[in-house]
C-alpha atoms as a PDB file:
ATOM      1  CA  MET A   1     197.844 -26.123 102.836  1.00  0.00           C
ATOM      2  CA  ASP A   2     201.472 -24.993 102.936  1.00  0.00           C
ATOM      3  CA  PHE A   3     203.742 -26.492 105.582  1.00  0.00           C
ATOM      4  CA  ALA A   4     206.815 -24.569 104.414  1.00  0.00           C
ATOM      5  CA  PRO A   5     207.229 -22.229 107.432  1.00  0.00           C
ATOM      6  CA  SER A   6     209.953 -23.668 109.633  1.00  0.00           C
ATOM      7  CA  GLY A   7     207.961 -22.991 112.807  1.00  0.00           C
ATOM      8  CA  VAL A   8     205.050 -25.132 111.630  1.00  0.00           C
ATOM      9  CA  ALA A   9     207.345 -27.945 110.527  1.00  0.00           C
ATOM     10  CA  LEU A  10     209.160 -27.828 113.876  1.00  0.00           C
ATOM     11  CA  LEU A  11     205.854 -27.929 115.779  1.00  0.00           C
ATOM     12  CA  LEU A  12     204.648 -31.011 113.904  1.00  0.00           C
ATOM     13  CA  LEU A  13     208.049 -32.691 114.151  1.00  0.00           C
ATOM     14  CA  ALA A  14     208.140 -32.130 117.920  1.00  0.00           C
ATOM     15  CA  ALA A  15     204.559 -33.341 118.349  1.00  0.00           C
ATOM     16  CA  GLY A  16     205.394 -36.483 116.391  1.00  0.00           C
ATOM     17  CA  PHE A  17     208.568 -37.091 118.414  1.00  0.00           C
ATOM     18  CA  PHE A  18     206.873 -36.964 121.801  1.00  0.00           C
ATOM     19  CA  ALA A  19     203.828 -38.852 120.507  1.00  0.00           C
ATOM     20  CA  GLY A  20     206.046 -41.651 119.207  1.00  0.00           C
ATOM     21  CA  LEU A  21     207.854 -41.773 122.539  1.00  0.00           C
ATOM     22  CA  LEU A  22     204.596 -41.987 124.504  1.00  0.00           C
ATOM     23  CA  ASN A  23     203.097 -44.653 122.248  1.00  0.00           C
ATOM     24  CA  ALA A  24     206.170 -46.867 122.527  1.00  0.00           C
ATOM     25  CA  VAL A  25     205.750 -46.952 126.310  1.00  0.00           C
ATOM     26  CA  ALA A  26     201.976 -47.337 126.696  1.00  0.00           C
ATOM     27  CA  GLY A  27     200.123 -44.831 124.526  1.00  0.00           C
ATOM     28  CA  GLY A  28     198.891 -41.259 124.643  1.00  0.00           C
ATOM     29  CA  GLY A  29     200.375 -39.962 121.404  1.00  0.00           C
ATOM     30  CA  SER A  30     197.025 -38.698 120.129  1.00  0.00           C
ATOM     31  CA  PHE A  31     196.927 -36.186 122.974  1.00  0.00           C
ATOM     32  CA  LEU A  32     199.715 -34.382 121.099  1.00  0.00           C
ATOM     33  CA  THR A  33     199.246 -35.100 117.390  1.00  0.00           C
ATOM     34  CA  LEU A  34     195.553 -34.183 117.166  1.00  0.00           C
ATOM     35  CA  PRO A  35     195.888 -30.680 118.692  1.00  0.00           C
ATOM     36  CA  ALA A  36     199.118 -30.007 116.788  1.00  0.00           C
ATOM     37  CA  LEU A  37     197.586 -30.823 113.403  1.00  0.00           C
ATOM     38  CA  MET A  38     194.369 -28.952 114.143  1.00  0.00           C
ATOM     39  CA  SER A  39     196.391 -25.921 115.242  1.00  0.00           C
ATOM     40  CA  VAL A  40     197.848 -25.576 111.739  1.00  0.00           C
ATOM     41  CA  GLY A  41     194.453 -25.741 110.048  1.00  0.00           C
ATOM     42  CA  VAL A  42     193.917 -29.451 109.368  1.00  0.00           C
ATOM     43  CA  PRO A  43     190.174 -30.327 109.730  1.00  0.00           C
ATOM     44  CA  PRO A  44     189.288 -32.548 112.725  1.00  0.00           C
ATOM     45  CA  VAL A  45     188.685 -35.850 110.906  1.00  0.00           C
ATOM     46  CA  ALA A  46     191.751 -35.396 108.697  1.00  0.00           C
ATOM     47  CA  ALA A  47     193.831 -34.382 111.739  1.00  0.00           C
ATOM     48  CA  ASN A  48     192.802 -37.546 113.573  1.00  0.00           C
ATOM     49  CA  ALA A  49     193.447 -39.708 110.501  1.00  0.00           C
ATOM     50  CA  THR A  50     196.788 -38.065 109.667  1.00  0.00           C
ATOM     51  CA  GLY A  51     198.018 -38.239 113.252  1.00  0.00           C
ATOM     52  CA  THR A  52     197.122 -41.915 113.483  1.00  0.00           C
ATOM     53  CA  ALA A  53     198.822 -42.668 110.154  1.00  0.00           C
ATOM     54  CA  ALA A  54     201.947 -40.810 111.253  1.00  0.00           C
ATOM     55  CA  LEU A  55     202.274 -43.002 114.346  1.00  0.00           C
ATOM     56  CA  LEU A  56     202.135 -46.274 112.376  1.00  0.00           C
ATOM     57  CA  PRO A  57     205.932 -46.480 111.773  1.00  0.00           C
ATOM     58  CA  GLY A  58     206.469 -46.108 115.514  1.00  0.00           C
ATOM     59  CA  TYR A  59     204.123 -49.007 116.213  1.00  0.00           C
ATOM     60  CA  LEU A  60     205.937 -51.166 113.662  1.00  0.00           C
ATOM     61  CA  ALA A  61     209.323 -50.254 115.144  1.00  0.00           C
ATOM     62  CA  SER A  62     208.061 -51.293 118.580  1.00  0.00           C
ATOM     63  CA  VAL A  63     206.908 -54.653 117.205  1.00  0.00           C
ATOM     64  CA  LEU A  64     210.317 -55.333 115.665  1.00  0.00           C
ATOM     65  CA  ALA A  65     212.018 -54.497 118.949  1.00  0.00           C
ATOM     66  CA  ASP A  66     209.714 -56.835 120.904  1.00  0.00           C
ATOM     67  CA  ARG A  67     210.080 -59.964 118.761  1.00  0.00           C
ATOM     68  CA  ARG A  68     211.337 -62.117 121.633  1.00  0.00           C
ATOM     69  CA  GLN A  69     208.496 -61.088 123.932  1.00  0.00           C
ATOM     70  CA  LEU A  70     205.999 -61.702 121.130  1.00  0.00           C
ATOM     71  CA  ARG A  71     207.167 -65.283 120.667  1.00  0.00           C
ATOM     72  CA  GLY A  72     206.664 -65.964 124.367  1.00  0.00           C
ATOM     73  CA  ALA A  73     203.246 -64.328 124.381  1.00  0.00           C
ATOM     74  CA  TRP A  74     202.172 -66.283 121.277  1.00  0.00           C
ATOM     75  CA  GLN A  75     202.963 -69.556 123.050  1.00  0.00           C
ATOM     76  CA  GLU A  76     201.225 -68.388 126.223  1.00  0.00           C
ATOM     77  CA  LEU A  77     198.036 -67.438 124.374  1.00  0.00           C
ATOM     78  CA  GLY A  78     197.857 -70.484 122.153  1.00  0.00           C
ATOM     79  CA  ARG A  79     197.626 -70.417 118.373  1.00  0.00           C
ATOM     80  CA  GLY A  80     193.826 -70.215 118.157  1.00  0.00           C
ATOM     81  CA  LEU A  81     193.430 -67.284 120.536  1.00  0.00           C
ATOM     82  CA  ALA A  82     196.442 -65.459 119.084  1.00  0.00           C
ATOM     83  CA  TRP A  83     195.057 -65.624 115.543  1.00  0.00           C
ATOM     84  CA  GLY A  84     191.656 -64.602 116.868  1.00  0.00           C
ATOM     85  CA  LEU A  85     193.181 -61.463 118.362  1.00  0.00           C
ATOM     86  CA  LEU A  86     194.902 -60.609 115.081  1.00  0.00           C
ATOM     87  CA  LEU A  87     191.607 -61.031 113.212  1.00  0.00           C
ATOM     88  CA  ALA A  88     189.979 -58.743 115.777  1.00  0.00           C
ATOM     89  CA  GLY A  89     192.641 -56.151 114.991  1.00  0.00           C
ATOM     90  CA  VAL A  90     192.017 -56.372 111.241  1.00  0.00           C
ATOM     91  CA  LEU A  91     188.231 -56.152 111.409  1.00  0.00           C
ATOM     92  CA  GLY A  92     188.069 -53.743 114.333  1.00  0.00           C
ATOM     93  CA  GLY A  93     190.531 -51.261 112.855  1.00  0.00           C
ATOM     94  CA  ALA A  94     188.725 -51.158 109.515  1.00  0.00           C
ATOM     95  CA  LEU A  95     185.310 -50.812 111.170  1.00  0.00           C
ATOM     96  CA  GLY A  96     186.357 -47.980 113.465  1.00  0.00           C
ATOM     97  CA  ALA A  97     187.988 -46.042 110.635  1.00  0.00           C
ATOM     98  CA  SER A  98     184.908 -46.445 108.447  1.00  0.00           C
ATOM     99  CA  VAL A  99     182.670 -45.073 111.196  1.00  0.00           C
ATOM    100  CA  LEU A 100     185.032 -42.099 111.594  1.00  0.00           C
ATOM    101  CA  LEU A 101     184.692 -41.174 107.925  1.00  0.00           C
ATOM    102  CA  LEU A 102     180.911 -41.318 108.245  1.00  0.00           C
ATOM    103  CA  THR A 103     180.943 -39.051 111.303  1.00  0.00           C
ATOM    104  CA  GLY A 104     182.014 -35.864 109.513  1.00  0.00           C
ATOM    105  CA  ASP A 105     184.043 -32.906 110.792  1.00  0.00           C
ATOM    106  CA  ALA A 106     181.273 -31.070 112.658  1.00  0.00           C
ATOM    107  CA  ARG A 107     180.129 -34.090 114.656  1.00  0.00           C
ATOM    108  CA  PHE A 108     183.658 -35.299 115.293  1.00  0.00           C
ATOM    109  CA  ARG A 109     184.738 -31.870 116.560  1.00  0.00           C
ATOM    110  CA  ALA A 110     181.844 -32.003 119.046  1.00  0.00           C
ATOM    111  CA  LEU A 111     182.930 -35.494 120.145  1.00  0.00           C
ATOM    112  CA  ILE A 112     186.624 -34.648 120.597  1.00  0.00           C
ATOM    113  CA  PRO A 113     186.365 -33.390 124.216  1.00  0.00           C
ATOM    114  CA  TRP A 114     184.444 -36.511 125.241  1.00  0.00           C
ATOM    115  CA  LEU A 115     186.854 -38.830 123.437  1.00  0.00           C
ATOM    116  CA  LEU A 116     189.798 -37.101 125.107  1.00  0.00           C
ATOM    117  CA  LEU A 117     188.048 -37.401 128.470  1.00  0.00           C
ATOM    118  CA  LEU A 118     187.507 -41.123 127.901  1.00  0.00           C
ATOM    119  CA  ALA A 119     191.164 -41.581 126.956  1.00  0.00           C
ATOM    120  CA  THR A 120     192.265 -39.665 130.064  1.00  0.00           C
ATOM    121  CA  VAL A 121     190.076 -41.828 132.299  1.00  0.00           C
ATOM    122  CA  LEU A 122     191.518 -44.964 130.683  1.00  0.00           C
ATOM    123  CA  PHE A 123     195.027 -43.808 131.573  1.00  0.00           C
ATOM    124  CA  ALA A 124     194.052 -42.866 135.119  1.00  0.00           C
ATOM    125  CA  LEU A 125     192.354 -46.225 135.742  1.00  0.00           C
ATOM    126  CA  GLY A 126     194.883 -48.314 133.806  1.00  0.00           C
ATOM    127  CA  PRO A 127     196.190 -50.473 136.712  1.00  0.00           C
ATOM    128  CA  TRP A 128     192.678 -51.060 138.089  1.00  0.00           C
ATOM    129  CA  LEU A 129     191.389 -52.070 134.655  1.00  0.00           C
ATOM    130  CA  GLN A 130     194.279 -54.490 134.187  1.00  0.00           C
ATOM    131  CA  HIS A 131     193.711 -55.980 137.653  1.00  0.00           C
ATOM    132  CA  GLN A 132     190.012 -56.502 137.007  1.00  0.00           C
ATOM    133  CA  ALA A 133     190.638 -57.953 133.552  1.00  0.00           C
ATOM    134  CA  ALA A 134     193.267 -60.353 134.893  1.00  0.00           C
ATOM    135  CA  ARG A 135     190.582 -61.938 137.092  1.00  0.00           C
ATOM    136  CA  ALA A 136     188.332 -62.657 134.115  1.00  0.00           C
ATOM    137  CA  HIS A 137     188.301 -65.908 132.168  1.00  0.00           C
ATOM    138  CA  SER A 138     189.518 -65.914 128.592  1.00  0.00           C
ATOM    139  CA  GLY A 139     187.374 -67.187 125.761  1.00  0.00           C
ATOM    140  CA  PRO A 140     185.498 -66.157 122.598  1.00  0.00           C
ATOM    141  CA  LEU A 141     183.916 -63.171 124.372  1.00  0.00           C
ATOM    142  CA  ARG A 142     187.398 -61.867 125.130  1.00  0.00           C
ATOM    143  CA  VAL A 143     188.189 -61.879 121.398  1.00  0.00           C
ATOM    144  CA  LEU A 144     184.993 -59.898 120.855  1.00  0.00           C
ATOM    145  CA  GLY A 145     186.192 -57.475 123.515  1.00  0.00           C
ATOM    146  CA  ALA A 146     189.496 -57.123 121.695  1.00  0.00           C
ATOM    147  CA  GLY A 147     187.596 -56.421 118.477  1.00  0.00           C
ATOM    148  CA  LEU A 148     185.618 -53.640 120.144  1.00  0.00           C
ATOM    149  CA  GLY A 149     188.831 -52.206 121.575  1.00  0.00           C
ATOM    150  CA  CYS A 150     190.433 -52.256 118.129  1.00  0.00           C
ATOM    151  CA  ALA A 151     187.343 -50.605 116.633  1.00  0.00           C
ATOM    152  CA  TYR A 152     187.736 -47.823 119.180  1.00  0.00           C
ATOM    153  CA  GLY A 153     191.383 -47.526 118.125  1.00  0.00           C
ATOM    154  CA  GLY A 154     190.422 -47.296 114.465  1.00  0.00           C
ATOM    155  CA  TYR A 155     187.999 -44.491 115.286  1.00  0.00           C
ATOM    156  CA  PHE A 156     190.117 -42.592 117.811  1.00  0.00           C
ATOM    157  CA  ASN A 157     193.572 -43.781 118.822  1.00  0.00           C
ATOM    158  CA  GLY A 158     193.776 -42.024 122.192  1.00  0.00           C
ATOM    159  CA  GLY A 159     194.022 -44.428 125.136  1.00  0.00           C
ATOM    160  CA  VAL A 160     193.750 -47.528 122.980  1.00  0.00           C
ATOM    161  CA  GLY A 161     197.036 -48.870 124.353  1.00  0.00           C
ATOM    162  CA  ILE A 162     195.731 -48.916 127.927  1.00  0.00           C
ATOM    163  CA  LEU A 163     192.446 -50.462 126.776  1.00  0.00           C
ATOM    164  CA  LEU A 164     194.223 -53.214 124.847  1.00  0.00           C
ATOM    165  CA  LEU A 165     196.591 -53.907 127.748  1.00  0.00           C
ATOM    166  CA  ALA A 166     193.627 -54.484 130.045  1.00  0.00           C
ATOM    167  CA  ILE A 167     191.996 -56.801 127.499  1.00  0.00           C
ATOM    168  CA  LEU A 168     195.222 -58.761 127.016  1.00  0.00           C
ATOM    169  CA  ARG A 169     195.723 -59.189 130.747  1.00  0.00           C
ATOM    170  CA  GLY A 170     192.240 -60.672 130.737  1.00  0.00           C
ATOM    171  CA  GLN A 171     193.438 -63.194 128.161  1.00  0.00           C
ATOM    172  CA  GLY A 172     195.812 -64.591 130.770  1.00  0.00           C
ATOM    173  CA  ILE A 173     199.069 -62.826 129.830  1.00  0.00           C
ATOM    174  CA  THR A 174     200.511 -62.265 133.295  1.00  0.00           C
ATOM    175  CA  ASP A 175     203.841 -60.785 132.180  1.00  0.00           C
ATOM    176  CA  LEU A 176     203.478 -57.046 131.514  1.00  0.00           C
ATOM    177  CA  ALA A 177     206.334 -56.953 128.984  1.00  0.00           C
ATOM    178  CA  ARG A 178     204.678 -59.699 126.918  1.00  0.00           C
ATOM    179  CA  ALA A 179     201.286 -58.005 127.153  1.00  0.00           C
ATOM    180  CA  ASN A 180     202.877 -54.736 126.018  1.00  0.00           C
ATOM    181  CA  ALA A 181     204.471 -56.499 123.039  1.00  0.00           C
ATOM    182  CA  VAL A 182     201.135 -57.974 121.933  1.00  0.00           C
ATOM    183  CA  LYS A 183     199.506 -54.583 122.492  1.00  0.00           C
ATOM    184  CA  ASN A 184     202.004 -53.022 120.084  1.00  0.00           C
ATOM    185  CA  LEU A 185     201.312 -55.764 117.524  1.00  0.00           C
ATOM    186  CA  LEU A 186     197.534 -55.279 117.732  1.00  0.00           C
ATOM    187  CA  SER A 187     197.989 -51.501 117.572  1.00  0.00           C
ATOM    188  CA  SER A 188     200.054 -51.945 114.405  1.00  0.00           C
ATOM    189  CA  VAL A 189     197.470 -54.220 112.784  1.00  0.00           C
ATOM    190  CA  LEU A 190     194.435 -52.083 113.600  1.00  0.00           C
ATOM    191  CA  THR A 191     196.263 -48.880 112.637  1.00  0.00           C
ATOM    192  CA  LEU A 192     197.430 -50.370 109.339  1.00  0.00           C
ATOM    193  CA  MET A 193     193.849 -51.277 108.456  1.00  0.00           C
ATOM    194  CA  ALA A 194     192.528 -47.913 109.626  1.00  0.00           C
ATOM    195  CA  VAL A 195     195.111 -45.991 107.603  1.00  0.00           C
ATOM    196  CA  GLY A 196     194.075 -47.871 104.471  1.00  0.00           C
ATOM    197  CA  VAL A 197     190.494 -46.729 105.039  1.00  0.00           C
ATOM    198  CA  TYR A 198     191.632 -43.163 105.783  1.00  0.00           C
ATOM    199  CA  ILE A 199     193.652 -42.979 102.566  1.00  0.00           C
ATOM    200  CA  ALA A 200     190.773 -44.383 100.531  1.00  0.00           C
ATOM    201  CA  GLY A 201     188.578 -41.673 102.035  1.00  0.00           C
ATOM    202  CA  GLY A 202     191.083 -38.925 101.198  1.00  0.00           C
ATOM    203  CA  GLN A 203     191.566 -37.935 104.839  1.00  0.00           C
ATOM    204  CA  VAL A 204     195.368 -38.212 105.166  1.00  0.00           C
ATOM    205  CA  VAL A 205     197.271 -34.928 104.647  1.00  0.00           C
ATOM    206  CA  ALA A 206     200.574 -35.968 103.069  1.00  0.00           C
ATOM    207  CA  THR A 207     202.671 -33.004 104.207  1.00  0.00           C
ATOM    208  CA  GLY A 208     201.467 -33.286 107.794  1.00  0.00           C
ATOM    209  CA  LEU A 209     202.050 -37.030 107.664  1.00  0.00           C
ATOM    210  CA  LEU A 210     205.700 -36.566 106.691  1.00  0.00           C
ATOM    211  CA  ALA A 211     206.466 -34.050 109.438  1.00  0.00           C
ATOM    212  CA  VAL A 212     204.689 -35.866 112.269  1.00  0.00           C
ATOM    213  CA  GLY A 213     205.804 -39.286 111.016  1.00  0.00           C
ATOM    214  CA  ALA A 214     209.490 -38.359 110.946  1.00  0.00           C
ATOM    215  CA  GLY A 215     209.305 -37.189 114.539  1.00  0.00           C
ATOM    216  CA  ALA A 216     207.334 -40.276 115.589  1.00  0.00           C
ATOM    217  CA  ILE A 217     210.005 -42.646 114.275  1.00  0.00           C
ATOM    218  CA  LEU A 218     212.705 -40.882 116.298  1.00  0.00           C
ATOM    219  CA  GLY A 219     210.503 -40.743 119.378  1.00  0.00           C
ATOM    220  CA  ALA A 220     209.598 -44.429 119.146  1.00  0.00           C
ATOM    221  CA  ARG A 221     213.263 -45.418 119.126  1.00  0.00           C
ATOM    222  CA  LEU A 222     213.844 -43.482 122.336  1.00  0.00           C
ATOM    223  CA  GLY A 223     210.644 -44.827 123.867  1.00  0.00           C
ATOM    224  CA  ILE A 224     211.689 -48.429 123.216  1.00  0.00           C
ATOM    225  CA  ALA A 225     214.949 -47.756 125.060  1.00  0.00           C
ATOM    226  CA  LEU A 226     213.139 -46.142 128.001  1.00  0.00           C
ATOM    227  CA  VAL A 227     210.191 -48.529 128.350  1.00  0.00           C
ATOM    228  CA  ARG A 228     211.894 -50.659 131.028  1.00  0.00           C
ATOM    229  CA  ARG A 229     213.546 -47.733 132.804  1.00  0.00           C
ATOM    230  CA  VAL A 230     210.686 -45.288 133.349  1.00  0.00           C
ATOM    231  CA  PRO A 231     208.505 -45.993 136.430  1.00  0.00           C
ATOM    232  CA  GLU A 232     205.071 -46.995 135.160  1.00  0.00           C
ATOM    233  CA  ALA A 233     203.204 -44.967 137.782  1.00  0.00           C
ATOM    234  CA  GLY A 234     205.129 -41.772 137.055  1.00  0.00           C
ATOM    235  CA  TYR A 235     204.592 -42.143 133.322  1.00  0.00           C
ATOM    236  CA  ARG A 236     200.872 -42.794 133.765  1.00  0.00           C
ATOM    237  CA  HIS A 237     200.441 -39.749 135.999  1.00  0.00           C
ATOM    238  CA  ALA A 238     202.276 -37.532 133.500  1.00  0.00           C
ATOM    239  CA  VAL A 239     200.155 -38.681 130.549  1.00  0.00           C
ATOM    240  CA  THR A 240     196.968 -38.353 132.608  1.00  0.00           C
ATOM    241  CA  LEU A 241     197.897 -34.762 133.466  1.00  0.00           C
ATOM    242  CA  ILE A 242     198.589 -33.931 129.810  1.00  0.00           C
ATOM    243  CA  GLY A 243     195.296 -35.491 128.787  1.00  0.00           C
ATOM    244  CA  ALA A 244     193.371 -33.662 131.506  1.00  0.00           C
ATOM    245  CA  VAL A 245     194.760 -30.264 130.493  1.00  0.00           C
ATOM    246  CA  ILE A 246     194.049 -30.744 126.779  1.00  0.00           C
ATOM    247  CA  THR A 247     190.596 -32.164 127.524  1.00  0.00           C
ATOM    248  CA  LEU A 248     189.772 -29.160 129.704  1.00  0.00           C
ATOM    249  CA  LEU A 249     190.852 -26.765 126.956  1.00  0.00           C
ATOM    250  CA  PHE A 250     188.580 -28.489 124.445  1.00  0.00           C
ATOM    251  CA  PHE A 251     185.635 -28.425 126.863  1.00  0.00           C
ATOM    252  CA  LEU A 252     186.144 -24.739 127.670  1.00  0.00           C
ATOM    253  CA  ASP A 253     186.404 -23.735 124.013  1.00  0.00           C
ATOM    254  CA  PRO A 254     186.035 -26.451 121.328  1.00  0.00           C
ATOM    255  CA  ALA A 255     187.392 -23.984 118.750  1.00  0.00           C
ATOM    256  CA  TRP A 256     190.525 -23.059 120.712  1.00  0.00           C
ATOM    257  CA  LEU A 257     192.718 -24.577 118.011  1.00  0.00           C
ATOM    258  CA  ALA A 258     190.848 -23.120 115.076  1.00  0.00           C
ATOM    259  CA  SER A 259     193.108 -21.238 112.707  1.00  0.00           C
ATOM    260  CA  PRO A 260     193.130 -20.421 109.014  1.00  0.00           C
ATOM    261  CA  ASP A 261     194.981 -22.795 106.747  1.00  0.00           C
ATOM    262  CA  ILE A 262     198.656 -21.971 106.607  1.00  0.00           C
END
């Protein structure tokens, strides 16, 4: 696959930029990276794996920027629960990625519209999910819930930020900024594990990774600066609209992005 044409490189760079920006705030980057990579001929599983790998630097940059909030959240959770959540990220990310590789391109392509629909619903119901989770009691079952959420993220990254935020609010983190910081840490851990599995399975396209990844780093830096300035409701509505449009396109014609390798 040749990514030399400037138009293709610009498309992937732009997709990575806006995906990195979205992920730094609350998530939604996969709504952009998956269609962009598939539109230039990357197979579905490889497109999902490459897009997820490209967003990893953005997650790590967000963690570095949120060090102070992370320290506060770590104390609020307690050492045992905090380490349990990290273990859930390690195991869940690896498990989800392994299941993705076993799915295959044909089955995954058929699942894409439903996965996008699920991610869109997660964004639309984000505040309600967080409110309901905040009323729950924390405990070992909550760590299991985090593990399942991380497994979902290792399989398909779309909407995982909202899902993890709801789970973390259920752990008793009342401050949204602290919950967002822990969400970014868990996203980094599960994505790091998932990417290792993707690479071992030969599903990461290096040239696509470079283009999308470069844009994601730039977008994440802007997203970190905007995270406390952008109204949460307005952001959520915008991402939900983007997700709904892309989901509808996939449902109407699952092959709408099909194109010969460039």
